[in-house]
């Protein structure tokens, strides 16, 4: 059974930073392309970042230059570093292969 556990969310002021983590069981991250998604109530879940099997990362224009993505293969954990956060980044954040979903972690950007 595949499980994802996202953590690291919280309340941060505009311009601040957070680092999210995604731990997995039942799946080896380095064997899959994995995406980070976010969802605001009433809106569709948005894919905004991807890390491929080879370790290449891709970002939506909305976060490019502010977010970075890394993978620790030994810990089977993904890290999403989010800098210069904006109120529009407020959402529940998920990591997923697109098939299984965790509970997500809430990120709120507000003064």
PDB file of N, CA and C in Angstrom:
ATOM      1  N   UNK A   1       0.846  -1.191   0.000  1.00  0.00           N
ATOM      2  CA  UNK A   1       0.000   0.000   0.000  1.00  0.00           C
ATOM      3  C   UNK A   1       0.882   1.242   0.000  1.00  0.00           C
ATOM      4  N   UNK A   2       0.599   2.148  -0.910  1.00  0.00           N
ATOM      5  CA  UNK A   2       1.371   3.370  -1.021  1.00  0.00           C
ATOM      6  C   UNK A   2       0.787   4.439  -0.114  1.00  0.00           C
ATOM      7  N   UNK A   3       1.650   5.062   0.661  1.00  0.00           N
ATOM      8  CA  UNK A   3       1.224   6.159   1.528  1.00  0.00           C
ATOM      9  C   UNK A   3       2.198   7.312   1.405  1.00  0.00           C
ATOM     10  N   UNK A   4       1.643   8.509   1.334  1.00  0.00           N
ATOM     11  CA  UNK A   4       2.433   9.728   1.338  1.00  0.00           C
ATOM     12  C   UNK A   4       2.094  10.522   2.593  1.00  0.00           C
ATOM     13  N   UNK A   5       3.113  11.069   3.223  1.00  0.00           N
ATOM     14  CA  UNK A   5       2.894  11.903   4.399  1.00  0.00           C
ATOM     15  C   UNK A   5       3.616  13.220   4.182  1.00  0.00           C
ATOM     16  N   UNK A   6       2.830  14.272   4.009  1.00  0.00           N
ATOM     17  CA  UNK A   6       3.378  15.609   3.829  1.00  0.00           C
ATOM     18  C   UNK A   6       3.443  16.328   5.180  1.00  0.00           C
ATOM     19  N   UNK A   7       4.467  17.131   5.359  1.00  0.00           N
ATOM     20  CA  UNK A   7       4.617  17.884   6.599  1.00  0.00           C
ATOM     21  C   UNK A   7       5.381  19.162   6.327  1.00  0.00           C
ATOM     22  N   UNK A   8       5.368  20.037   7.317  1.00  0.00           N
ATOM     23  CA  UNK A   8       6.144  21.265   7.226  1.00  0.00           C
ATOM     24  C   UNK A   8       5.340  22.511   6.926  1.00  0.00           C
ATOM     25  N   UNK A   9       4.062  22.349   6.735  1.00  0.00           N
ATOM     26  CA  UNK A   9       3.232  23.516   6.458  1.00  0.00           C
ATOM     27  C   UNK A   9       3.046  24.372   7.686  1.00  0.00           C
ATOM     28  N   UNK A  10       2.410  25.510   7.476  1.00  0.00           N
ATOM     29  CA  UNK A  10       2.159  26.413   8.590  1.00  0.00           C
ATOM     30  C   UNK A  10       1.775  27.779   8.106  1.00  0.00           C
ATOM     31  N   UNK A  11       1.785  28.710   9.044  1.00  0.00           N
ATOM     32  CA  UNK A  11       1.463  30.102   8.756  1.00  0.00           C
ATOM     33  C   UNK A  11       2.763  30.892   8.608  1.00  0.00           C
ATOM     34  N   UNK A  12       2.863  31.628   7.529  1.00  0.00           N
ATOM     35  CA  UNK A  12       4.075  32.413   7.275  1.00  0.00           C
ATOM     36  C   UNK A  12       3.670  33.748   6.673  1.00  0.00           C
ATOM     37  N   UNK A  13       4.453  34.765   6.946  1.00  0.00           N
ATOM     38  CA  UNK A  13       4.174  36.079   6.383  1.00  0.00           C
ATOM     39  C   UNK A  13       4.618  36.153   4.928  1.00  0.00           C
ATOM     40  N   UNK A  14       4.013  37.013   4.159  1.00  0.00           N
ATOM     41  CA  UNK A  14       4.477  37.203   2.772  1.00  0.00           C
ATOM     42  C   UNK A  14       5.969  37.494   2.735  1.00  0.00           C
ATOM     43  N   UNK A  15       6.643  36.872   1.798  1.00  0.00           N
ATOM     44  CA  UNK A  15       8.083  36.997   1.696  1.00  0.00           C
ATOM     45  C   UNK A  15       8.853  35.962   2.490  1.00  0.00           C
ATOM     46  N   UNK A  16       8.154  35.226   3.303  1.00  0.00           N
ATOM     47  CA  UNK A  16       8.789  34.209   4.133  1.00  0.00           C
ATOM     48  C   UNK A  16       9.047  32.916   3.388  1.00  0.00           C
ATOM     49  N   UNK A  17       9.562  31.939   4.130  1.00  0.00           N
ATOM     50  CA  UNK A  17       9.939  30.653   3.548  1.00  0.00           C
ATOM     51  C   UNK A  17       9.399  29.502   4.385  1.00  0.00           C
ATOM     52  N   UNK A  18       9.189  28.410   3.722  1.00  0.00           N
ATOM     53  CA  UNK A  18       8.847  27.147   4.367  1.00  0.00           C
ATOM     54  C   UNK A  18       9.514  26.024   3.602  1.00  0.00           C
ATOM     55  N   UNK A  19       9.795  24.943   4.304  1.00  0.00           N
ATOM     56  CA  UNK A  19      10.265  23.735   3.637  1.00  0.00           C
ATOM     57  C   UNK A  19       9.294  22.602   3.956  1.00  0.00           C
ATOM     58  N   UNK A  20       8.691  22.088   2.917  1.00  0.00           N
ATOM     59  CA  UNK A  20       7.793  20.954   3.062  1.00  0.00           C
ATOM     60  C   UNK A  20       8.549  19.656   2.821  1.00  0.00           C
ATOM     61  N   UNK A  21       8.104  18.625   3.521  1.00  0.00           N
ATOM     62  CA  UNK A  21       8.671  17.291   3.329  1.00  0.00           C
ATOM     63  C   UNK A  21       7.573  16.342   2.895  1.00  0.00           C
ATOM     64  N   UNK A  22       7.974  15.354   2.149  1.00  0.00           N
ATOM     65  CA  UNK A  22       7.045  14.300   1.745  1.00  0.00           C
ATOM     66  C   UNK A  22       7.756  12.970   1.929  1.00  0.00           C
ATOM     67  N   UNK A  23       7.272  12.206   2.872  1.00  0.00           N
ATOM     68  CA  UNK A  23       7.805  10.868   3.104  1.00  0.00           C
ATOM     69  C   UNK A  23       6.846   9.852   2.515  1.00  0.00           C
ATOM     70  N   UNK A  24       7.392   8.749   2.055  1.00  0.00           N
ATOM     71  CA  UNK A  24       6.544   7.751   1.419  1.00  0.00           C
ATOM     72  C   UNK A  24       6.861   6.360   1.930  1.00  0.00           C
ATOM     73  N   UNK A  25       5.844   5.529   1.917  1.00  0.00           N
ATOM     74  CA  UNK A  25       6.022   4.105   2.148  1.00  0.00           C
ATOM     75  C   UNK A  25       5.302   3.362   1.038  1.00  0.00           C
ATOM     76  N   UNK A  26       5.816   2.197   0.710  1.00  0.00           N
ATOM     77  CA  UNK A  26       5.200   1.417  -0.353  1.00  0.00           C
ATOM     78  C   UNK A  26       5.601   1.833  -1.752  1.00  0.00           C
ATOM     79  N   UNK A  27       6.507   2.769  -1.833  1.00  0.00           N
ATOM     80  CA  UNK A  27       6.970   3.266  -3.120  1.00  0.00           C
ATOM     81  C   UNK A  27       8.365   3.839  -2.951  1.00  0.00           C
ATOM     82  N   UNK A  28       9.185   3.684  -3.945  1.00  0.00           N
ATOM     83  CA  UNK A  28      10.526   4.270  -3.918  1.00  0.00           C
ATOM     84  C   UNK A  28      10.523   5.465  -4.851  1.00  0.00           C
ATOM     85  N   UNK A  29      10.717   6.644  -4.278  1.00  0.00           N
ATOM     86  CA  UNK A  29      10.618   7.872  -5.054  1.00  0.00           C
ATOM     87  C   UNK A  29      11.536   7.880  -6.268  1.00  0.00           C
ATOM     88  N   UNK A  30      12.715   7.335  -6.130  1.00  0.00           N
ATOM     89  CA  UNK A  30      13.672   7.412  -7.232  1.00  0.00           C
ATOM     90  C   UNK A  30      13.274   6.540  -8.415  1.00  0.00           C
ATOM     91  N   UNK A  31      12.240   5.748  -8.260  1.00  0.00           N
ATOM     92  CA  UNK A  31      11.738   4.913  -9.350  1.00  0.00           C
ATOM     93  C   UNK A  31      10.517   5.510 -10.043  1.00  0.00           C
ATOM     94  N   UNK A  32      10.139   6.723  -9.624  1.00  0.00           N
ATOM     95  CA  UNK A  32       8.918   7.327 -10.159  1.00  0.00           C
ATOM     96  C   UNK A  32       9.097   8.823 -10.376  1.00  0.00           C
ATOM     97  N   UNK A  33       8.382   9.348 -11.369  1.00  0.00           N
ATOM     98  CA  UNK A  33       8.199  10.791 -11.450  1.00  0.00           C
ATOM     99  C   UNK A  33       7.150  11.158 -10.395  1.00  0.00           C
ATOM    100  N   UNK A  34       7.443  12.173  -9.617  1.00  0.00           N
ATOM    101  CA  UNK A  34       6.535  12.566  -8.538  1.00  0.00           C
ATOM    102  C   UNK A  34       6.238  14.054  -8.643  1.00  0.00           C
ATOM    103  N   UNK A  35       5.007  14.390  -8.409  1.00  0.00           N
ATOM    104  CA  UNK A  35       4.611  15.789  -8.487  1.00  0.00           C
ATOM    105  C   UNK A  35       4.222  16.351  -7.142  1.00  0.00           C
ATOM    106  N   UNK A  36       4.344  17.677  -7.044  1.00  0.00           N
ATOM    107  CA  UNK A  36       3.767  18.424  -5.935  1.00  0.00           C
ATOM    108  C   UNK A  36       2.548  19.153  -6.478  1.00  0.00           C
ATOM    109  N   UNK A  37       1.493  19.050  -5.722  1.00  0.00           N
ATOM    110  CA  UNK A  37       0.225  19.647  -6.102  1.00  0.00           C
ATOM    111  C   UNK A  37      -0.229  20.566  -4.969  1.00  0.00           C
ATOM    112  N   UNK A  38      -1.105  21.461  -5.297  1.00  0.00           N
ATOM    113  CA  UNK A  38      -1.725  22.267  -4.257  1.00  0.00           C
ATOM    114  C   UNK A  38      -3.173  22.526  -4.629  1.00  0.00           C
ATOM    115  N   UNK A  39      -3.980  22.706  -3.601  1.00  0.00           N
ATOM    116  CA  UNK A  39      -5.402  22.893  -3.829  1.00  0.00           C
ATOM    117  C   UNK A  39      -5.969  23.927  -2.879  1.00  0.00           C
ATOM    118  N   UNK A  40      -6.727  24.823  -3.459  1.00  0.00           N
ATOM    119  CA  UNK A  40      -7.468  25.822  -2.713  1.00  0.00           C
ATOM    120  C   UNK A  40      -8.928  25.391  -2.709  1.00  0.00           C
ATOM    121  N   UNK A  41      -9.620  25.555  -1.598  1.00  0.00           N
ATOM    122  CA  UNK A  41     -11.033  25.147  -1.561  1.00  0.00           C
ATOM    123  C   UNK A  41     -11.827  25.739  -2.727  1.00  0.00           C
ATOM    124  N   UNK A  42     -12.585  24.873  -3.376  1.00  0.00           N
ATOM    125  CA  UNK A  42     -13.408  25.322  -4.485  1.00  0.00           C
ATOM    126  C   UNK A  42     -12.708  25.338  -5.820  1.00  0.00           C
ATOM    127  N   UNK A  43     -11.419  25.005  -5.820  1.00  0.00           N
ATOM    128  CA  UNK A  43     -10.665  24.996  -7.069  1.00  0.00           C
ATOM    129  C   UNK A  43     -10.053  23.624  -7.309  1.00  0.00           C
ATOM    130  N   UNK A  44      -9.678  23.393  -8.549  1.00  0.00           N
ATOM    131  CA  UNK A  44      -9.054  22.132  -8.900  1.00  0.00           C
ATOM    132  C   UNK A  44      -7.644  22.041  -8.331  1.00  0.00           C
ATOM    133  N   UNK A  45      -7.226  20.831  -8.059  1.00  0.00           N
ATOM    134  CA  UNK A  45      -5.864  20.601  -7.609  1.00  0.00           C
ATOM    135  C   UNK A  45      -4.906  20.958  -8.730  1.00  0.00           C
ATOM    136  N   UNK A  46      -3.867  21.681  -8.401  1.00  0.00           N
ATOM    137  CA  UNK A  46      -2.909  22.196  -9.380  1.00  0.00           C
ATOM    138  C   UNK A  46      -1.571  21.499  -9.235  1.00  0.00           C
ATOM    139  N   UNK A  47      -1.061  20.972 -10.337  1.00  0.00           N
ATOM    140  CA  UNK A  47       0.298  20.433 -10.364  1.00  0.00           C
ATOM    141  C   UNK A  47       1.241  21.590 -10.643  1.00  0.00           C
ATOM    142  N   UNK A  48       2.169  21.851  -9.739  1.00  0.00           N
ATOM    143  CA  UNK A  48       3.057  22.993  -9.928  1.00  0.00           C
ATOM    144  C   UNK A  48       4.533  22.634  -9.932  1.00  0.00           C
ATOM    145  N   UNK A  49       4.875  21.396  -9.569  1.00  0.00           N
ATOM    146  CA  UNK A  49       6.286  21.005  -9.573  1.00  0.00           C
ATOM    147  C   UNK A  49       6.386  19.503  -9.766  1.00  0.00           C
ATOM    148  N   UNK A  50       7.441  19.087 -10.448  1.00  0.00           N
ATOM    149  CA  UNK A  50       7.663  17.667 -10.698  1.00  0.00           C
ATOM    150  C   UNK A  50       9.149  17.366 -10.561  1.00  0.00           C
ATOM    151  N   UNK A  51       9.443  16.216  -9.991  1.00  0.00           N
ATOM    152  CA  UNK A  51      10.806  15.701  -9.999  1.00  0.00           C
ATOM    153  C   UNK A  51      10.765  14.340 -10.679  1.00  0.00           C
ATOM    154  N   UNK A  52      11.628  14.176 -11.672  1.00  0.00           N
ATOM    155  CA  UNK A  52      11.614  12.955 -12.451  1.00  0.00           C
ATOM    156  C   UNK A  52      12.518  11.893 -11.841  1.00  0.00           C
ATOM    157  N   UNK A  53      12.472  10.714 -12.429  1.00  0.00           N
ATOM    158  CA  UNK A  53      13.325   9.610 -11.978  1.00  0.00           C
ATOM    159  C   UNK A  53      14.793  10.028 -12.010  1.00  0.00           C
ATOM    160  N   UNK A  54      15.147  10.771 -13.021  1.00  0.00           N
ATOM    161  CA  UNK A  54      16.545  11.192 -13.170  1.00  0.00           C
ATOM    162  C   UNK A  54      16.922  12.331 -12.226  1.00  0.00           C
ATOM    163  N   UNK A  55      15.928  12.896 -11.559  1.00  0.00           N
ATOM    164  CA  UNK A  55      16.193  14.001 -10.647  1.00  0.00           C
ATOM    165  C   UNK A  55      15.969  15.374 -11.239  1.00  0.00           C
ATOM    166  N   UNK A  56      15.561  15.421 -12.491  1.00  0.00           N
ATOM    167  CA  UNK A  56      15.253  16.708 -13.110  1.00  0.00           C
ATOM    168  C   UNK A  56      13.991  17.292 -12.477  1.00  0.00           C
ATOM    169  N   UNK A  57      13.986  18.592 -12.349  1.00  0.00           N
ATOM    170  CA  UNK A  57      12.830  19.257 -11.754  1.00  0.00           C
ATOM    171  C   UNK A  57      12.206  20.232 -12.737  1.00  0.00           C
ATOM    172  N   UNK A  58      10.904  20.394 -12.619  1.00  0.00           N
ATOM    173  CA  UNK A  58      10.158  21.274 -13.497  1.00  0.00           C
ATOM    174  C   UNK A  58       9.134  22.011 -12.655  1.00  0.00           C
ATOM    175  N   UNK A  59       8.951  23.274 -12.989  1.00  0.00           N
ATOM    176  CA  UNK A  59       8.066  24.098 -12.177  1.00  0.00           C
ATOM    177  C   UNK A  59       7.118  24.904 -13.045  1.00  0.00           C
ATOM    178  N   UNK A  60       5.930  25.120 -12.518  1.00  0.00           N
ATOM    179  CA  UNK A  60       4.994  26.023 -13.171  1.00  0.00           C
ATOM    180  C   UNK A  60       5.529  27.456 -13.076  1.00  0.00           C
ATOM    181  N   UNK A  61       5.123  28.274 -14.001  1.00  0.00           N
ATOM    182  CA  UNK A  61       5.590  29.659 -14.016  1.00  0.00           C
ATOM    183  C   UNK A  61       5.257  30.380 -12.711  1.00  0.00           C
ATOM    184  N   UNK A  62       4.158  29.984 -12.087  1.00  0.00           N
ATOM    185  CA  UNK A  62       3.707  30.665 -10.872  1.00  0.00           C
ATOM    186  C   UNK A  62       4.676  30.508  -9.707  1.00  0.00           C
ATOM    187  N   UNK A  63       5.528  29.486  -9.741  1.00  0.00           N
ATOM    188  CA  UNK A  63       6.448  29.259  -8.623  1.00  0.00           C
ATOM    189  C   UNK A  63       7.901  29.241  -9.070  1.00  0.00           C
ATOM    190  N   UNK A  64       8.142  29.280 -10.349  1.00  0.00           N
ATOM    191  CA  UNK A  64       9.498  29.193 -10.878  1.00  0.00           C
ATOM    192  C   UNK A  64      10.357  30.326 -10.320  1.00  0.00           C
ATOM    193  N   UNK A  65      11.543  29.976  -9.869  1.00  0.00           N
ATOM    194  CA  UNK A  65      12.456  30.962  -9.297  1.00  0.00           C
ATOM    195  C   UNK A  65      12.259  31.161  -7.806  1.00  0.00           C
ATOM    196  N   UNK A  66      11.161  30.652  -7.273  1.00  0.00           N
ATOM    197  CA  UNK A  66      10.908  30.800  -5.827  1.00  0.00           C
ATOM    198  C   UNK A  66      10.946  29.453  -5.105  1.00  0.00           C
ATOM    199  N   UNK A  67      10.556  28.405  -5.789  1.00  0.00           N
ATOM    200  CA  UNK A  67      10.482  27.073  -5.184  1.00  0.00           C
ATOM    201  C   UNK A  67      11.586  26.186  -5.759  1.00  0.00           C
ATOM    202  N   UNK A  68      12.131  25.326  -4.933  1.00  0.00           N
ATOM    203  CA  UNK A  68      13.050  24.300  -5.394  1.00  0.00           C
ATOM    204  C   UNK A  68      12.632  22.959  -4.827  1.00  0.00           C
ATOM    205  N   UNK A  69      13.036  21.936  -5.519  1.00  0.00           N
ATOM    206  CA  UNK A  69      12.604  20.585  -5.181  1.00  0.00           C
ATOM    207  C   UNK A  69      13.826  19.693  -5.118  1.00  0.00           C
ATOM    208  N   UNK A  70      13.908  18.863  -4.082  1.00  0.00           N
ATOM    209  CA  UNK A  70      15.029  17.940  -3.970  1.00  0.00           C
ATOM    210  C   UNK A  70      14.531  16.604  -3.436  1.00  0.00           C
ATOM    211  N   UNK A  71      15.393  15.625  -3.577  1.00  0.00           N
ATOM    212  CA  UNK A  71      15.027  14.266  -3.164  1.00  0.00           C
ATOM    213  C   UNK A  71      16.207  13.651  -2.407  1.00  0.00           C
ATOM    214  N   UNK A  72      15.896  13.059  -1.272  1.00  0.00           N
ATOM    215  CA  UNK A  72      16.893  12.317  -0.497  1.00  0.00           C
ATOM    216  C   UNK A  72      16.571  10.839  -0.679  1.00  0.00           C
ATOM    217  N   UNK A  73      17.338  10.177  -1.526  1.00  0.00           N
ATOM    218  CA  UNK A  73      17.036   8.778  -1.826  1.00  0.00           C
ATOM    219  C   UNK A  73      17.226   7.878  -0.609  1.00  0.00           C
ATOM    220  N   UNK A  74      18.195   8.186   0.221  1.00  0.00           N
ATOM    221  CA  UNK A  74      18.456   7.349   1.402  1.00  0.00           C
ATOM    222  C   UNK A  74      17.271   7.389   2.363  1.00  0.00           C
ATOM    223  N   UNK A  75      16.634   8.550   2.450  1.00  0.00           N
ATOM    224  CA  UNK A  75      15.487   8.691   3.348  1.00  0.00           C
ATOM    225  C   UNK A  75      14.156   8.501   2.625  1.00  0.00           C
ATOM    226  N   UNK A  76      14.233   8.341   1.301  1.00  0.00           N
ATOM    227  CA  UNK A  76      13.017   8.217   0.496  1.00  0.00           C
ATOM    228  C   UNK A  76      12.052   9.359   0.806  1.00  0.00           C
ATOM    229  N   UNK A  77      12.594  10.555   0.763  1.00  0.00           N
ATOM    230  CA  UNK A  77      11.843  11.754   1.137  1.00  0.00           C
ATOM    231  C   UNK A  77      12.100  12.851   0.110  1.00  0.00           C
ATOM    232  N   UNK A  78      11.047  13.575  -0.192  1.00  0.00           N
ATOM    233  CA  UNK A  78      11.147  14.748  -1.051  1.00  0.00           C
ATOM    234  C   UNK A  78      11.070  16.004  -0.196  1.00  0.00           C
ATOM    235  N   UNK A  79      11.751  17.049  -0.667  1.00  0.00           N
ATOM    236  CA  UNK A  79      11.720  18.327   0.027  1.00  0.00           C
ATOM    237  C   UNK A  79      11.341  19.422  -0.960  1.00  0.00           C
ATOM    238  N   UNK A  80      10.416  20.242  -0.558  1.00  0.00           N
ATOM    239  CA  UNK A  80      10.010  21.391  -1.359  1.00  0.00           C
ATOM    240  C   UNK A  80      10.362  22.647  -0.578  1.00  0.00           C
ATOM    241  N   UNK A  81      11.358  23.362  -1.045  1.00  0.00           N
ATOM    242  CA  UNK A  81      11.760  24.618  -0.430  1.00  0.00           C
ATOM    243  C   UNK A  81      11.000  25.751  -1.103  1.00  0.00           C
ATOM    244  N   UNK A  82      10.268  26.486  -0.317  1.00  0.00           N
ATOM    245  CA  UNK A  82       9.438  27.566  -0.848  1.00  0.00           C
ATOM    246  C   UNK A  82       9.919  28.887  -0.264  1.00  0.00           C
ATOM    247  N   UNK A  83      10.389  29.752  -1.131  1.00  0.00           N
ATOM    248  CA  UNK A  83      10.894  31.059  -0.718  1.00  0.00           C
ATOM    249  C   UNK A  83      10.013  32.165  -1.301  1.00  0.00           C
ATOM    250  N   UNK A  84      10.148  33.340  -0.708  1.00  0.00           N
ATOM    251  CA  UNK A  84       9.396  34.503  -1.177  1.00  0.00           C
ATOM    252  C   UNK A  84       7.909  34.171  -1.358  1.00  0.00           C
ATOM    253  N   UNK A  85       7.344  33.587  -0.335  1.00  0.00           N
ATOM    254  CA  UNK A  85       5.956  33.141  -0.416  1.00  0.00           C
ATOM    255  C   UNK A  85       5.000  34.313  -0.551  1.00  0.00           C
ATOM    256  N   UNK A  86       3.935  34.061  -1.284  1.00  0.00           N
ATOM    257  CA  UNK A  86       2.923  35.074  -1.564  1.00  0.00           C
ATOM    258  C   UNK A  86       1.574  34.589  -1.048  1.00  0.00           C
ATOM    259  N   UNK A  87       0.658  35.495  -0.782  1.00  0.00           N
ATOM    260  CA  UNK A  87      -0.674  35.066  -0.316  1.00  0.00           C
ATOM    261  C   UNK A  87      -1.337  34.066  -1.264  1.00  0.00           C
ATOM    262  N   UNK A  88      -1.077  34.195  -2.548  1.00  0.00           N
ATOM    263  CA  UNK A  88      -1.686  33.273  -3.510  1.00  0.00           C
ATOM    264  C   UNK A  88      -1.090  31.871  -3.463  1.00  0.00           C
ATOM    265  N   UNK A  89      -0.046  31.689  -2.664  1.00  0.00           N
ATOM    266  CA  UNK A  89       0.503  30.341  -2.455  1.00  0.00           C
ATOM    267  C   UNK A  89      -0.270  29.590  -1.372  1.00  0.00           C
ATOM    268  N   UNK A  90      -1.190  30.252  -0.715  1.00  0.00           N
ATOM    269  CA  UNK A  90      -1.992  29.608   0.319  1.00  0.00           C
ATOM    270  C   UNK A  90      -2.804  28.466  -0.282  1.00  0.00           C
ATOM    271  N   UNK A  91      -2.633  27.283   0.284  1.00  0.00           N
ATOM    272  CA  UNK A  91      -3.293  26.092  -0.242  1.00  0.00           C
ATOM    273  C   UNK A  91      -2.923  24.901   0.636  1.00  0.00           C
ATOM    274  N   UNK A  92      -3.550  23.779   0.356  1.00  0.00           N
ATOM    275  CA  UNK A  92      -3.111  22.502   0.914  1.00  0.00           C
ATOM    276  C   UNK A  92      -2.166  21.882  -0.114  1.00  0.00           C
ATOM    277  N   UNK A  93      -1.011  21.476   0.345  1.00  0.00           N
ATOM    278  CA  UNK A  93       0.034  20.958  -0.532  1.00  0.00           C
ATOM    279  C   UNK A  93       0.152  19.440  -0.405  1.00  0.00           C
ATOM    280  N   UNK A  94       0.266  18.783  -1.547  1.00  0.00           N
ATOM    281  CA  UNK A  94       0.353  17.337  -1.615  1.00  0.00           C
ATOM    282  C   UNK A  94       1.527  16.920  -2.501  1.00  0.00           C
ATOM    283  N   UNK A  95       2.108  15.772  -2.183  1.00  0.00           N
ATOM    284  CA  UNK A  95       2.998  15.123  -3.141  1.00  0.00           C
ATOM    285  C   UNK A  95       2.299  13.847  -3.589  1.00  0.00           C
ATOM    286  N   UNK A  96       2.542  13.453  -4.821  1.00  0.00           N
ATOM    287  CA  UNK A  96       1.831  12.289  -5.339  1.00  0.00           C
ATOM    288  C   UNK A  96       2.396  11.875  -6.686  1.00  0.00           C
ATOM    289  N   UNK A  97       2.201  10.597  -6.990  1.00  0.00           N
ATOM    290  CA  UNK A  97       2.469  10.128  -8.344  1.00  0.00           C
ATOM    291  C   UNK A  97       1.251  10.340  -9.223  1.00  0.00           C
ATOM    292  N   UNK A  98       0.175  10.817  -8.617  1.00  0.00           N
ATOM    293  CA  UNK A  98      -1.074  11.009  -9.331  1.00  0.00           C
ATOM    294  C   UNK A  98      -2.072   9.889  -9.100  1.00  0.00           C
ATOM    295  N   UNK A  99      -1.594   8.847  -8.424  1.00  0.00           N
ATOM    296  CA  UNK A  99      -2.478   7.700  -8.182  1.00  0.00           C
ATOM    297  C   UNK A  99      -2.916   7.610  -6.724  1.00  0.00           C
ATOM    298  N   UNK A 100      -2.020   7.912  -5.820  1.00  0.00           N
ATOM    299  CA  UNK A 100      -2.301   7.843  -4.390  1.00  0.00           C
ATOM    300  C   UNK A 100      -2.052   9.213  -3.781  1.00  0.00           C
ATOM    301  N   UNK A 101      -2.810   9.518  -2.731  1.00  0.00           N
ATOM    302  CA  UNK A 101      -2.757  10.842  -2.124  1.00  0.00           C
ATOM    303  C   UNK A 101      -2.683  10.751  -0.611  1.00  0.00           C
ATOM    304  N   UNK A 102      -1.888  11.647  -0.041  1.00  0.00           N
ATOM    305  CA  UNK A 102      -1.837  11.773   1.403  1.00  0.00           C
ATOM    306  C   UNK A 102      -2.850  12.801   1.869  1.00  0.00           C
ATOM    307  N   UNK A 103      -2.695  13.218   3.119  1.00  0.00           N
ATOM    308  CA  UNK A 103      -3.604  14.191   3.707  1.00  0.00           C
ATOM    309  C   UNK A 103      -3.223  15.622   3.336  1.00  0.00           C
ATOM    310  N   UNK A 104      -2.019  15.792   2.884  1.00  0.00           N
ATOM    311  CA  UNK A 104      -1.567  17.133   2.538  1.00  0.00           C
ATOM    312  C   UNK A 104      -1.148  17.916   3.767  1.00  0.00           C
ATOM    313  N   UNK A 105      -0.555  19.075   3.518  1.00  0.00           N
ATOM    314  CA  UNK A 105      -0.163  19.965   4.598  1.00  0.00           C
ATOM    315  C   UNK A 105      -0.578  21.386   4.217  1.00  0.00           C
ATOM    316  N   UNK A 106      -1.169  22.076   5.172  1.00  0.00           N
ATOM    317  CA  UNK A 106      -1.715  23.401   4.909  1.00  0.00           C
ATOM    318  C   UNK A 106      -0.610  24.451   4.955  1.00  0.00           C
ATOM    319  N   UNK A 107      -0.569  25.272   3.941  1.00  0.00           N
ATOM    320  CA  UNK A 107       0.323  26.427   3.908  1.00  0.00           C
ATOM    321  C   UNK A 107      -0.546  27.671   3.826  1.00  0.00           C
ATOM    322  N   UNK A 108      -0.346  28.563   4.760  1.00  0.00           N
ATOM    323  CA  UNK A 108      -1.090  29.810   4.780  1.00  0.00           C
ATOM    324  C   UNK A 108      -0.099  30.967   4.785  1.00  0.00           C
ATOM    325  N   UNK A 109      -0.226  31.824   3.802  1.00  0.00           N
ATOM    326  CA  UNK A 109       0.656  32.987   3.683  1.00  0.00           C
ATOM    327  C   UNK A 109      -0.187  34.231   3.939  1.00  0.00           C
ATOM    328  N   UNK A 110       0.069  34.857   5.059  1.00  0.00           N
ATOM    329  CA  UNK A 110      -0.756  35.989   5.454  1.00  0.00           C
ATOM    330  C   UNK A 110      -0.015  36.849   6.449  1.00  0.00           C
ATOM    331  N   UNK A 111      -0.280  38.133   6.394  1.00  0.00           N
ATOM    332  CA  UNK A 111       0.301  39.043   7.371  1.00  0.00           C
ATOM    333  C   UNK A 111      -0.656  39.229   8.545  1.00  0.00           C
TER     334      UNK A 111
END
